[in-house]
PDB file of N, CA and C in Angstrom:
ATOM      1  N   UNK A   1      54.356  58.158  96.773  1.00  0.00           N
ATOM      2  CA  UNK A   1      53.988  59.466  97.288  1.00  0.00           C
ATOM      3  C   UNK A   1      55.100  59.938  98.228  1.00  0.00           C
ATOM      4  N   UNK A   2      55.518  61.174  98.051  1.00  0.00           N
ATOM      5  CA  UNK A   2      56.562  61.762  98.900  1.00  0.00           C
ATOM      6  C   UNK A   2      56.032  61.949 100.319  1.00  0.00           C
ATOM      7  N   UNK A   3      56.956  61.823 101.283  1.00  0.00           N
ATOM      8  CA  UNK A   3      56.570  61.953 102.692  1.00  0.00           C
ATOM      9  C   UNK A   3      57.199  63.204 103.303  1.00  0.00           C
ATOM     10  N   UNK A   4      56.355  63.958 103.995  1.00  0.00           N
ATOM     11  CA  UNK A   4      56.794  65.178 104.673  1.00  0.00           C
ATOM     12  C   UNK A   4      56.563  65.010 106.168  1.00  0.00           C
ATOM     13  N   UNK A   5      57.595  65.309 106.942  1.00  0.00           N
ATOM     14  CA  UNK A   5      57.485  65.321 108.394  1.00  0.00           C
ATOM     15  C   UNK A   5      57.256  66.756 108.839  1.00  0.00           C
ATOM     16  N   UNK A   6      56.141  66.988 109.523  1.00  0.00           N
ATOM     17  CA  UNK A   6      55.806  68.299 110.076  1.00  0.00           C
ATOM     18  C   UNK A   6      56.112  68.254 111.568  1.00  0.00           C
ATOM     19  N   UNK A   7      57.069  69.078 112.012  1.00  0.00           N
ATOM     20  CA  UNK A   7      57.413  69.154 113.433  1.00  0.00           C
ATOM     21  C   UNK A   7      56.907  70.506 113.927  1.00  0.00           C
ATOM     22  N   UNK A   8      55.778  70.473 114.629  1.00  0.00           N
ATOM     23  CA  UNK A   8      55.067  71.691 115.033  1.00  0.00           C
ATOM     24  C   UNK A   8      54.314  71.405 116.327  1.00  0.00           C
ATOM     25  N   UNK A   9      54.538  72.212 117.358  1.00  0.00           N
ATOM     26  CA  UNK A   9      53.897  71.972 118.652  1.00  0.00           C
ATOM     27  C   UNK A   9      52.506  72.584 118.778  1.00  0.00           C
ATOM     28  N   UNK A  10      52.185  73.576 117.988  1.00  0.00           N
ATOM     29  CA  UNK A  10      50.867  74.217 118.073  1.00  0.00           C
ATOM     30  C   UNK A  10      49.880  73.418 117.222  1.00  0.00           C
ATOM     31  N   UNK A  11      48.876  72.856 117.897  1.00  0.00           N
ATOM     32  CA  UNK A  11      47.935  71.959 117.224  1.00  0.00           C
ATOM     33  C   UNK A  11      47.257  72.613 116.018  1.00  0.00           C
ATOM     34  N   UNK A  12      46.818  73.867 116.156  1.00  0.00           N
ATOM     35  CA  UNK A  12      46.161  74.556 115.053  1.00  0.00           C
ATOM     36  C   UNK A  12      47.083  74.625 113.832  1.00  0.00           C
ATOM     37  N   UNK A  13      48.340  75.012 114.030  1.00  0.00           N
ATOM     38  CA  UNK A  13      49.292  75.117 112.919  1.00  0.00           C
ATOM     39  C   UNK A  13      49.583  73.749 112.298  1.00  0.00           C
ATOM     40  N   UNK A  14      49.723  72.749 113.158  1.00  0.00           N
ATOM     41  CA  UNK A  14      49.993  71.400 112.682  1.00  0.00           C
ATOM     42  C   UNK A  14      48.833  70.889 111.838  1.00  0.00           C
ATOM     43  N   UNK A  15      47.601  71.070 112.342  1.00  0.00           N
ATOM     44  CA  UNK A  15      46.420  70.626 111.609  1.00  0.00           C
ATOM     45  C   UNK A  15      46.277  71.348 110.272  1.00  0.00           C
ATOM     46  N   UNK A  16      46.569  72.644 110.263  1.00  0.00           N
ATOM     47  CA  UNK A  16      46.495  73.426 109.030  1.00  0.00           C
ATOM     48  C   UNK A  16      47.484  72.882 107.992  1.00  0.00           C
ATOM     49  N   UNK A  17      48.698  72.601 108.419  1.00  0.00           N
ATOM     50  CA  UNK A  17      49.699  72.057 107.493  1.00  0.00           C
ATOM     51  C   UNK A  17      49.276  70.686 106.967  1.00  0.00           C
ATOM     52  N   UNK A  18      48.757  69.843 107.847  1.00  0.00           N
ATOM     53  CA  UNK A  18      48.296  68.527 107.409  1.00  0.00           C
ATOM     54  C   UNK A  18      47.199  68.690 106.358  1.00  0.00           C
ATOM     55  N   UNK A  19      46.233  69.577 106.601  1.00  0.00           N
ATOM     56  CA  UNK A  19      45.145  69.789 105.642  1.00  0.00           C
ATOM     57  C   UNK A  19      45.674  70.294 104.297  1.00  0.00           C
ATOM     58  N   UNK A  20      46.657  71.183 104.346  1.00  0.00           N
ATOM     59  CA  UNK A  20      47.231  71.718 103.107  1.00  0.00           C
ATOM     60  C   UNK A  20      47.970  70.649 102.305  1.00  0.00           C
ATOM     61  N   UNK A  21      48.615  69.723 103.001  1.00  0.00           N
ATOM     62  CA  UNK A  21      49.545  68.802 102.353  1.00  0.00           C
ATOM     63  C   UNK A  21      48.992  67.419 102.054  1.00  0.00           C
ATOM     64  N   UNK A  22      47.967  66.989 102.789  1.00  0.00           N
ATOM     65  CA  UNK A  22      47.582  65.583 102.753  1.00  0.00           C
ATOM     66  C   UNK A  22      47.056  65.085 101.403  1.00  0.00           C
ATOM     67  N   UNK A  23      46.612  65.965 100.537  1.00  0.00           N
ATOM     68  CA  UNK A  23      46.150  65.512  99.221  1.00  0.00           C
ATOM     69  C   UNK A  23      47.313  65.133  98.306  1.00  0.00           C
ATOM     70  N   UNK A  24      48.469  65.744  98.517  1.00  0.00           N
ATOM     71  CA  UNK A  24      49.603  65.531  97.618  1.00  0.00           C
ATOM     72  C   UNK A  24      50.769  64.765  98.233  1.00  0.00           C
ATOM     73  N   UNK A  25      50.775  64.660  99.568  1.00  0.00           N
ATOM     74  CA  UNK A  25      51.900  64.044 100.264  1.00  0.00           C
ATOM     75  C   UNK A  25      51.401  63.165 101.399  1.00  0.00           C
ATOM     76  N   UNK A  26      52.236  62.183 101.776  1.00  0.00           N
ATOM     77  CA  UNK A  26      52.007  61.466 103.024  1.00  0.00           C
ATOM     78  C   UNK A  26      52.591  62.358 104.119  1.00  0.00           C
ATOM     79  N   UNK A  27      51.819  62.665 105.141  1.00  0.00           N
ATOM     80  CA  UNK A  27      52.253  63.600 106.171  1.00  0.00           C
ATOM     81  C   UNK A  27      52.433  62.882 107.506  1.00  0.00           C
ATOM     82  N   UNK A  28      53.607  63.046 108.078  1.00  0.00           N
ATOM     83  CA  UNK A  28      53.926  62.552 109.414  1.00  0.00           C
ATOM     84  C   UNK A  28      53.996  63.767 110.322  1.00  0.00           C
ATOM     85  N   UNK A  29      53.620  63.618 111.594  1.00  0.00           N
ATOM     86  CA  UNK A  29      53.668  64.770 112.488  1.00  0.00           C
ATOM     87  C   UNK A  29      54.384  64.433 113.785  1.00  0.00           C
ATOM     88  N   UNK A  30      55.047  65.452 114.332  1.00  0.00           N
ATOM     89  CA  UNK A  30      55.690  65.379 115.628  1.00  0.00           C
ATOM     90  C   UNK A  30      55.387  66.675 116.366  1.00  0.00           C
ATOM     91  N   UNK A  31      55.298  66.598 117.697  1.00  0.00           N
ATOM     92  CA  UNK A  31      54.907  67.776 118.481  1.00  0.00           C
ATOM     93  C   UNK A  31      56.071  68.433 119.220  1.00  0.00           C
ATOM     94  N   UNK A  32      57.269  67.839 119.137  1.00  0.00           N
ATOM     95  CA  UNK A  32      58.452  68.457 119.733  1.00  0.00           C
ATOM     96  C   UNK A  32      59.692  67.988 118.984  1.00  0.00           C
ATOM     97  N   UNK A  33      60.817  68.629 119.253  1.00  0.00           N
ATOM     98  CA  UNK A  33      62.033  68.314 118.513  1.00  0.00           C
ATOM     99  C   UNK A  33      62.530  66.904 118.726  1.00  0.00           C
ATOM    100  N   UNK A  34      62.409  66.406 119.940  1.00  0.00           N
ATOM    101  CA  UNK A  34      62.861  65.044 120.231  1.00  0.00           C
ATOM    102  C   UNK A  34      62.070  64.025 119.408  1.00  0.00           C
ATOM    103  N   UNK A  35      60.745  64.196 119.384  1.00  0.00           N
ATOM    104  CA  UNK A  35      59.885  63.314 118.597  1.00  0.00           C
ATOM    105  C   UNK A  35      60.208  63.444 117.107  1.00  0.00           C
ATOM    106  N   UNK A  36      60.487  64.667 116.668  1.00  0.00           N
ATOM    107  CA  UNK A  36      60.829  64.887 115.265  1.00  0.00           C
ATOM    108  C   UNK A  36      62.107  64.167 114.854  1.00  0.00           C
ATOM    109  N   UNK A  37      63.118  64.217 115.710  1.00  0.00           N
ATOM    110  CA  UNK A  37      64.375  63.516 115.423  1.00  0.00           C
ATOM    111  C   UNK A  37      64.111  62.016 115.320  1.00  0.00           C
ATOM    112  N   UNK A  38      63.356  61.470 116.285  1.00  0.00           N
ATOM    113  CA  UNK A  38      63.050  60.040 116.272  1.00  0.00           C
ATOM    114  C   UNK A  38      62.292  59.617 115.026  1.00  0.00           C
ATOM    115  N   UNK A  39      61.295  60.403 114.633  1.00  0.00           N
ATOM    116  CA  UNK A  39      60.532  60.081 113.415  1.00  0.00           C
ATOM    117  C   UNK A  39      61.410  60.179 112.170  1.00  0.00           C
ATOM    118  N   UNK A  40      62.274  61.177 112.125  1.00  0.00           N
ATOM    119  CA  UNK A  40      63.177  61.311 110.973  1.00  0.00           C
ATOM    120  C   UNK A  40      64.082  60.084 110.866  1.00  0.00           C
ATOM    121  N   UNK A  41      64.569  59.613 112.002  1.00  0.00           N
ATOM    122  CA  UNK A  41      65.455  58.439 112.000  1.00  0.00           C
ATOM    123  C   UNK A  41      64.711  57.179 111.563  1.00  0.00           C
ATOM    124  N   UNK A  42      63.492  57.005 112.046  1.00  0.00           N
ATOM    125  CA  UNK A  42      62.727  55.794 111.744  1.00  0.00           C
ATOM    126  C   UNK A  42      62.083  55.813 110.368  1.00  0.00           C
ATOM    127  N   UNK A  43      61.530  56.955 109.986  1.00  0.00           N
ATOM    128  CA  UNK A  43      60.688  57.022 108.789  1.00  0.00           C
ATOM    129  C   UNK A  43      61.385  57.562 107.539  1.00  0.00           C
ATOM    130  N   UNK A  44      62.502  58.243 107.717  1.00  0.00           N
ATOM    131  CA  UNK A  44      63.264  58.810 106.592  1.00  0.00           C
ATOM    132  C   UNK A  44      62.369  59.590 105.618  1.00  0.00           C
ATOM    133  N   UNK A  45      61.753  60.680 106.093  1.00  0.00           N
ATOM    134  CA  UNK A  45      60.875  61.463 105.207  1.00  0.00           C
ATOM    135  C   UNK A  45      61.673  62.094 104.065  1.00  0.00           C
ATOM    136  N   UNK A  46      60.961  62.538 103.059  1.00  0.00           N
ATOM    137  CA  UNK A  46      61.603  63.201 101.923  1.00  0.00           C
ATOM    138  C   UNK A  46      61.909  64.660 102.222  1.00  0.00           C
ATOM    139  N   UNK A  47      61.227  65.239 103.223  1.00  0.00           N
ATOM    140  CA  UNK A  47      61.418  66.637 103.585  1.00  0.00           C
ATOM    141  C   UNK A  47      60.868  66.841 104.994  1.00  0.00           C
ATOM    142  N   UNK A  48      61.452  67.805 105.723  1.00  0.00           N
ATOM    143  CA  UNK A  48      60.972  68.155 107.060  1.00  0.00           C
ATOM    144  C   UNK A  48      60.588  69.626 107.079  1.00  0.00           C
ATOM    145  N   UNK A  49      59.399  69.911 107.614  1.00  0.00           N
ATOM    146  CA  UNK A  49      58.985  71.279 107.921  1.00  0.00           C
ATOM    147  C   UNK A  49      59.170  71.427 109.430  1.00  0.00           C
ATOM    148  N   UNK A  50      60.139  72.236 109.847  1.00  0.00           N
ATOM    149  CA  UNK A  50      60.569  72.307 111.245  1.00  0.00           C
ATOM    150  C   UNK A  50      60.254  73.656 111.869  1.00  0.00           C
ATOM    151  N   UNK A  51      59.305  73.650 112.814  1.00  0.00           N
ATOM    152  CA  UNK A  51      59.089  74.842 113.630  1.00  0.00           C
ATOM    153  C   UNK A  51      60.352  75.038 114.458  1.00  0.00           C
ATOM    154  N   UNK A  52      60.743  76.269 114.697  1.00  0.00           N
ATOM    155  CA  UNK A  52      61.970  76.523 115.447  1.00  0.00           C
ATOM    156  C   UNK A  52      61.726  76.636 116.943  1.00  0.00           C
ATOM    157  N   UNK A  53      60.543  77.075 117.343  1.00  0.00           N
ATOM    158  CA  UNK A  53      60.214  77.225 118.762  1.00  0.00           C
ATOM    159  C   UNK A  53      59.424  76.005 119.225  1.00  0.00           C
ATOM    160  N   UNK A  54      60.154  74.993 119.687  1.00  0.00           N
ATOM    161  CA  UNK A  54      59.542  73.732 120.086  1.00  0.00           C
ATOM    162  C   UNK A  54      59.905  73.387 121.526  1.00  0.00           C
ATOM    163  N   UNK A  55      59.037  72.620 122.197  1.00  0.00           N
ATOM    164  CA  UNK A  55      59.395  72.135 123.530  1.00  0.00           C
ATOM    165  C   UNK A  55      60.351  70.934 123.453  1.00  0.00           C
ATOM    166  N   UNK A  56      60.902  70.557 124.573  1.00  0.00           N
ATOM    167  CA  UNK A  56      61.806  69.432 124.788  1.00  0.00           C
ATOM    168  C   UNK A  56      63.146  69.693 124.110  1.00  0.00           C
ATOM    169  N   UNK A  57      63.185  69.629 122.796  1.00  0.00           N
ATOM    170  CA  UNK A  57      64.367  70.022 122.016  1.00  0.00           C
ATOM    171  C   UNK A  57      63.867  71.011 120.976  1.00  0.00           C
ATOM    172  N   UNK A  58      64.446  72.218 120.942  1.00  0.00           N
ATOM    173  CA  UNK A  58      63.948  73.220 119.989  1.00  0.00           C
ATOM    174  C   UNK A  58      64.327  72.845 118.553  1.00  0.00           C
ATOM    175  N   UNK A  59      63.708  73.542 117.617  1.00  0.00           N
ATOM    176  CA  UNK A  59      63.920  73.247 116.205  1.00  0.00           C
ATOM    177  C   UNK A  59      65.339  73.487 115.729  1.00  0.00           C
ATOM    178  N   UNK A  60      66.018  74.437 116.346  1.00  0.00           N
ATOM    179  CA  UNK A  60      67.409  74.705 115.981  1.00  0.00           C
ATOM    180  C   UNK A  60      68.256  73.460 116.262  1.00  0.00           C
ATOM    181  N   UNK A  61      68.135  72.926 117.495  1.00  0.00           N
ATOM    182  CA  UNK A  61      68.931  71.769 117.899  1.00  0.00           C
ATOM    183  C   UNK A  61      68.472  70.505 117.180  1.00  0.00           C
ATOM    184  N   UNK A  62      67.171  70.344 116.993  1.00  0.00           N
ATOM    185  CA  UNK A  62      66.668  69.179 116.267  1.00  0.00           C
ATOM    186  C   UNK A  62      67.239  69.160 114.845  1.00  0.00           C
ATOM    187  N   UNK A  63      67.298  70.317 114.215  1.00  0.00           N
ATOM    188  CA  UNK A  63      67.869  70.403 112.868  1.00  0.00           C
ATOM    189  C   UNK A  63      69.350  70.021 112.898  1.00  0.00           C
ATOM    190  N   UNK A  64      70.097  70.560 113.860  1.00  0.00           N
ATOM    191  CA  UNK A  64      71.529  70.219 113.968  1.00  0.00           C
ATOM    192  C   UNK A  64      71.725  68.709 114.097  1.00  0.00           C
ATOM    193  N   UNK A  65      70.909  68.070 114.926  1.00  0.00           N
ATOM    194  CA  UNK A  65      71.059  66.626 115.161  1.00  0.00           C
ATOM    195  C   UNK A  65      70.688  65.814 113.925  1.00  0.00           C
ATOM    196  N   UNK A  66      69.637  66.213 113.235  1.00  0.00           N
ATOM    197  CA  UNK A  66      69.259  65.507 112.000  1.00  0.00           C
ATOM    198  C   UNK A  66      70.370  65.648 110.961  1.00  0.00           C
ATOM    199  N   UNK A  67      70.870  66.863 110.796  1.00  0.00           N
ATOM    200  CA  UNK A  67      71.904  67.105 109.783  1.00  0.00           C
ATOM    201  C   UNK A  67      73.245  66.475 110.175  1.00  0.00           C
ATOM    202  N   UNK A  68      73.471  66.211 111.469  1.00  0.00           N
ATOM    203  CA  UNK A  68      74.711  65.570 111.917  1.00  0.00           C
ATOM    204  C   UNK A  68      74.695  64.063 111.658  1.00  0.00           C
ATOM    205  N   UNK A  69      73.523  63.495 111.403  1.00  0.00           N
ATOM    206  CA  UNK A  69      73.388  62.067 111.144  1.00  0.00           C
ATOM    207  C   UNK A  69      73.669  61.818 109.661  1.00  0.00           C
ATOM    208  N   UNK A  70      74.715  61.062 109.340  1.00  0.00           N
ATOM    209  CA  UNK A  70      75.064  60.836 107.928  1.00  0.00           C
ATOM    210  C   UNK A  70      73.926  60.242 107.099  1.00  0.00           C
ATOM    211  N   UNK A  71      73.046  59.463 107.741  1.00  0.00           N
ATOM    212  CA  UNK A  71      71.925  58.852 107.015  1.00  0.00           C
ATOM    213  C   UNK A  71      70.786  59.824 106.748  1.00  0.00           C
ATOM    214  N   UNK A  72      70.777  60.953 107.469  1.00  0.00           N
ATOM    215  CA  UNK A  72      69.666  61.897 107.356  1.00  0.00           C
ATOM    216  C   UNK A  72      70.064  63.244 106.782  1.00  0.00           C
ATOM    217  N   UNK A  73      71.349  63.525 106.704  1.00  0.00           N
ATOM    218  CA  UNK A  73      71.788  64.885 106.358  1.00  0.00           C
ATOM    219  C   UNK A  73      71.310  65.375 105.003  1.00  0.00           C
ATOM    220  N   UNK A  74      70.946  64.465 104.109  1.00  0.00           N
ATOM    221  CA  UNK A  74      70.459  64.861 102.793  1.00  0.00           C
ATOM    222  C   UNK A  74      68.992  65.236 102.747  1.00  0.00           C
ATOM    223  N   UNK A  75      68.278  65.033 103.859  1.00  0.00           N
ATOM    224  CA  UNK A  75      66.849  65.378 103.894  1.00  0.00           C
ATOM    225  C   UNK A  75      66.712  66.897 103.996  1.00  0.00           C
ATOM    226  N   UNK A  76      66.040  67.535 103.052  1.00  0.00           N
ATOM    227  CA  UNK A  76      65.849  68.985 103.144  1.00  0.00           C
ATOM    228  C   UNK A  76      64.987  69.350 104.355  1.00  0.00           C
ATOM    229  N   UNK A  77      65.394  70.400 105.057  1.00  0.00           N
ATOM    230  CA  UNK A  77      64.638  70.909 106.193  1.00  0.00           C
ATOM    231  C   UNK A  77      64.296  72.368 105.920  1.00  0.00           C
ATOM    232  N   UNK A  78      63.000  72.665 105.953  1.00  0.00           N
ATOM    233  CA  UNK A  78      62.532  74.037 105.810  1.00  0.00           C
ATOM    234  C   UNK A  78      62.100  74.522 107.187  1.00  0.00           C
ATOM    235  N   UNK A  79      62.744  75.573 107.669  1.00  0.00           N
ATOM    236  CA  UNK A  79      62.413  76.157 108.966  1.00  0.00           C
ATOM    237  C   UNK A  79      61.107  76.923 108.866  1.00  0.00           C
ATOM    238  N   UNK A  80      60.301  76.818 109.923  1.00  0.00           N
ATOM    239  CA  UNK A  80      59.066  77.592 110.042  1.00  0.00           C
ATOM    240  C   UNK A  80      59.190  78.429 111.305  1.00  0.00           C
ATOM    241  N   UNK A  81      58.985  79.728 111.185  1.00  0.00           N
ATOM    242  CA  UNK A  81      59.135  80.564 112.369  1.00  0.00           C
ATOM    243  C   UNK A  81      58.174  81.741 112.358  1.00  0.00           C
ATOM    244  N   UNK A  82      57.569  81.972 113.506  1.00  0.00           N
ATOM    245  CA  UNK A  82      56.741  83.166 113.686  1.00  0.00           C
ATOM    246  C   UNK A  82      57.618  84.350 114.059  1.00  0.00           C
ATOM    247  N   UNK A  83      58.856  84.081 114.402  1.00  0.00           N
ATOM    248  CA  UNK A  83      59.805  85.123 114.809  1.00  0.00           C
ATOM    249  C   UNK A  83      60.647  85.536 113.603  1.00  0.00           C
ATOM    250  N   UNK A  84      60.037  86.286 112.719  1.00  0.00           N
ATOM    251  CA  UNK A  84      60.706  86.679 111.486  1.00  0.00           C
ATOM    252  C   UNK A  84      61.539  87.936 111.726  1.00  0.00           C
ATOM    253  N   UNK A  85      62.496  87.811 112.626  1.00  0.00           N
ATOM    254  CA  UNK A  85      63.375  88.933 112.940  1.00  0.00           C
ATOM    255  C   UNK A  85      64.570  88.931 111.989  1.00  0.00           C
ATOM    256  N   UNK A  86      65.163  90.084 111.819  1.00  0.00           N
ATOM    257  CA  UNK A  86      66.346  90.199 110.994  1.00  0.00           C
ATOM    258  C   UNK A  86      67.404  89.244 111.524  1.00  0.00           C
ATOM    259  N   UNK A  87      67.938  88.416 110.673  1.00  0.00           N
ATOM    260  CA  UNK A  87      68.979  87.477 111.077  1.00  0.00           C
ATOM    261  C   UNK A  87      68.471  86.080 111.390  1.00  0.00           C
ATOM    262  N   UNK A  88      67.156  85.910 111.605  1.00  0.00           N
ATOM    263  CA  UNK A  88      66.637  84.580 111.932  1.00  0.00           C
ATOM    264  C   UNK A  88      66.832  83.590 110.791  1.00  0.00           C
ATOM    265  N   UNK A  89      66.632  84.040 109.564  1.00  0.00           N
ATOM    266  CA  UNK A  89      66.827  83.128 108.438  1.00  0.00           C
ATOM    267  C   UNK A  89      68.282  82.693 108.371  1.00  0.00           C
ATOM    268  N   UNK A  90      69.216  83.614 108.581  1.00  0.00           N
ATOM    269  CA  UNK A  90      70.641  83.260 108.569  1.00  0.00           C
ATOM    270  C   UNK A  90      70.953  82.255 109.671  1.00  0.00           C
ATOM    271  N   UNK A  91      70.390  82.470 110.866  1.00  0.00           N
ATOM    272  CA  UNK A  91      70.626  81.546 111.977  1.00  0.00           C
ATOM    273  C   UNK A  91      70.042  80.167 111.671  1.00  0.00           C
ATOM    274  N   UNK A  92      68.882  80.130 111.026  1.00  0.00           N
ATOM    275  CA  UNK A  92      68.266  78.851 110.664  1.00  0.00           C
ATOM    276  C   UNK A  92      69.146  78.108 109.661  1.00  0.00           C
ATOM    277  N   UNK A  93      69.681  78.830 108.698  1.00  0.00           N
ATOM    278  CA  UNK A  93      70.566  78.196 107.716  1.00  0.00           C
ATOM    279  C   UNK A  93      71.864  77.715 108.370  1.00  0.00           C
ATOM    280  N   UNK A  94      72.384  78.485 109.324  1.00  0.00           N
ATOM    281  CA  UNK A  94      73.590  78.069 110.043  1.00  0.00           C
ATOM    282  C   UNK A  94      73.338  76.789 110.839  1.00  0.00           C
ATOM    283  N   UNK A  95      72.112  76.613 111.332  1.00  0.00           N
ATOM    284  CA  UNK A  95      71.760  75.402 112.081  1.00  0.00           C
ATOM    285  C   UNK A  95      71.602  74.200 111.160  1.00  0.00           C
ATOM    286  N   UNK A  96      71.506  74.442 109.842  1.00  0.00           N
ATOM    287  CA  UNK A  96      71.397  73.356 108.881  1.00  0.00           C
ATOM    288  C   UNK A  96      70.145  73.368 108.040  1.00  0.00           C
ATOM    289  N   UNK A  97      69.250  74.324 108.280  1.00  0.00           N
ATOM    290  CA  UNK A  97      68.032  74.389 107.470  1.00  0.00           C
ATOM    291  C   UNK A  97      68.374  74.749 106.034  1.00  0.00           C
ATOM    292  N   UNK A  98      67.653  74.139 105.114  1.00  0.00           N
ATOM    293  CA  UNK A  98      67.889  74.375 103.690  1.00  0.00           C
ATOM    294  C   UNK A  98      67.090  75.558 103.164  1.00  0.00           C
ATOM    295  N   UNK A  99      66.037  75.926 103.893  1.00  0.00           N
ATOM    296  CA  UNK A  99      65.217  77.061 103.488  1.00  0.00           C
ATOM    297  C   UNK A  99      64.445  77.543 104.703  1.00  0.00           C
ATOM    298  N   UNK A 100      63.667  78.603 104.519  1.00  0.00           N
ATOM    299  CA  UNK A 100      63.036  79.287 105.641  1.00  0.00           C
ATOM    300  C   UNK A 100      61.706  79.878 105.202  1.00  0.00           C
ATOM    301  N   UNK A 101      60.686  79.706 106.046  1.00  0.00           N
ATOM    302  CA  UNK A 101      59.385  80.333 105.819  1.00  0.00           C
ATOM    303  C   UNK A 101      58.927  80.987 107.113  1.00  0.00           C
ATOM    304  N   UNK A 102      58.421  82.206 107.020  1.00  0.00           N
ATOM    305  CA  UNK A 102      57.890  82.859 108.209  1.00  0.00           C
ATOM    306  C   UNK A 102      56.390  82.597 108.298  1.00  0.00           C
ATOM    307  N   UNK A 103      55.897  82.602 109.529  1.00  0.00           N
ATOM    308  CA  UNK A 103      54.467  82.444 109.790  1.00  0.00           C
ATOM    309  C   UNK A 103      53.857  83.831 109.946  1.00  0.00           C
ATOM    310  N   UNK A 104      52.602  84.003 109.571  1.00  0.00           N
ATOM    311  CA  UNK A 104      51.729  82.991 108.996  1.00  0.00           C
ATOM    312  C   UNK A 104      52.211  82.588 107.604  1.00  0.00           C
ATOM    313  N   UNK A 105      52.032  81.321 107.300  1.00  0.00           N
ATOM    314  CA  UNK A 105      52.542  80.779 106.041  1.00  0.00           C
ATOM    315  C   UNK A 105      51.762  81.291 104.842  1.00  0.00           C
ATOM    316  N   UNK A 106      52.496  81.547 103.789  1.00  0.00           N
ATOM    317  CA  UNK A 106      51.923  81.872 102.496  1.00  0.00           C
ATOM    318  C   UNK A 106      51.844  80.547 101.730  1.00  0.00           C
ATOM    319  N   UNK A 107      50.636  80.056 101.459  1.00  0.00           N
ATOM    320  CA  UNK A 107      50.452  78.746 100.823  1.00  0.00           C
ATOM    321  C   UNK A 107      51.199  78.647  99.493  1.00  0.00           C
ATOM    322  N   UNK A 108      51.124  79.677  98.692  1.00  0.00           N
ATOM    323  CA  UNK A 108      51.778  79.664  97.379  1.00  0.00           C
ATOM    324  C   UNK A 108      53.286  79.515  97.537  1.00  0.00           C
ATOM    325  N   UNK A 109      53.856  80.251  98.466  1.00  0.00           N
ATOM    326  CA  UNK A 109      55.295  80.174  98.720  1.00  0.00           C
ATOM    327  C   UNK A 109      55.675  78.804  99.279  1.00  0.00           C
ATOM    328  N   UNK A 110      54.858  78.270 100.182  1.00  0.00           N
ATOM    329  CA  UNK A 110      55.106  76.934 100.726  1.00  0.00           C
ATOM    330  C   UNK A 110      55.176  75.899  99.610  1.00  0.00           C
ATOM    331  N   UNK A 111      54.171  75.894  98.732  1.00  0.00           N
ATOM    332  CA  UNK A 111      54.144  74.896  97.659  1.00  0.00           C
ATOM    333  C   UNK A 111      55.278  75.115  96.652  1.00  0.00           C
ATOM    334  N   UNK A 112      55.681  76.347  96.441  1.00  0.00           N
ATOM    335  CA  UNK A 112      56.825  76.617  95.560  1.00  0.00           C
ATOM    336  C   UNK A 112      58.100  76.020  96.151  1.00  0.00           C
ATOM    337  N   UNK A 113      58.276  76.168  97.466  1.00  0.00           N
ATOM    338  CA  UNK A 113      59.465  75.609  98.114  1.00  0.00           C
ATOM    339  C   UNK A 113      59.415  74.084  98.122  1.00  0.00           C
ATOM    340  N   UNK A 114      58.248  73.513  98.339  1.00  0.00           N
ATOM    341  CA  UNK A 114      58.124  72.054  98.284  1.00  0.00           C
ATOM    342  C   UNK A 114      58.474  71.547  96.887  1.00  0.00           C
ATOM    343  N   UNK A 115      57.984  72.240  95.861  1.00  0.00           N
ATOM    344  CA  UNK A 115      58.293  71.844  94.489  1.00  0.00           C
ATOM    345  C   UNK A 115      59.794  71.940  94.226  1.00  0.00           C
ATOM    346  N   UNK A 116      60.429  72.964  94.771  1.00  0.00           N
ATOM    347  CA  UNK A 116      61.867  73.148  94.591  1.00  0.00           C
ATOM    348  C   UNK A 116      62.646  71.949  95.144  1.00  0.00           C
ATOM    349  N   UNK A 117      62.264  71.469  96.326  1.00  0.00           N
ATOM    350  CA  UNK A 117      63.012  70.400  96.977  1.00  0.00           C
ATOM    351  C   UNK A 117      62.531  68.997  96.624  1.00  0.00           C
ATOM    352  N   UNK A 118      61.258  68.870  96.244  1.00  0.00           N
ATOM    353  CA  UNK A 118      60.701  67.532  96.000  1.00  0.00           C
ATOM    354  C   UNK A 118      60.316  67.288  94.549  1.00  0.00           C
ATOM    355  N   UNK A 119      60.414  68.293  93.722  1.00  0.00           N
ATOM    356  CA  UNK A 119      59.948  68.169  92.349  1.00  0.00           C
ATOM    357  C   UNK A 119      58.461  68.503  92.306  1.00  0.00           C
ATOM    358  N   UNK A 120      57.928  68.672  91.129  1.00  0.00           N
ATOM    359  CA  UNK A 120      56.518  69.036  90.981  1.00  0.00           C
ATOM    360  C   UNK A 120      55.624  67.941  91.512  1.00  0.00           C
ATOM    361  N   UNK A 121      54.529  68.338  92.168  1.00  0.00           N
ATOM    362  CA  UNK A 121      53.593  67.356  92.725  1.00  0.00           C
ATOM    363  C   UNK A 121      52.544  66.991  91.707  1.00  0.00           C
TER     364      UNK A 121
END
């Protein structure tokens, strides 16, 4: 079973993602960027869903650090952001994100992106 790391500080959003994903994937969770980096290093998930507005270390920097690690740089990271401003997707990609989803999440679009990076579930 493929493993997805969800890095999300808002409990409601984190729980919603876990509920959406847990039937098809093993789901790991982190509540801040620092915890997300540590889990990525230890657990080597198949994909990361990274909120960009996080405490301790924000999602932008957490993504940069994960992608700077030669052992982790191949892990796809999909940015999650409630701040869907013009240019945010470009900034997320510049930080190393492989794709981008705005909140509130569209379930169909989320699963399409997961299929793109992980293969059909």
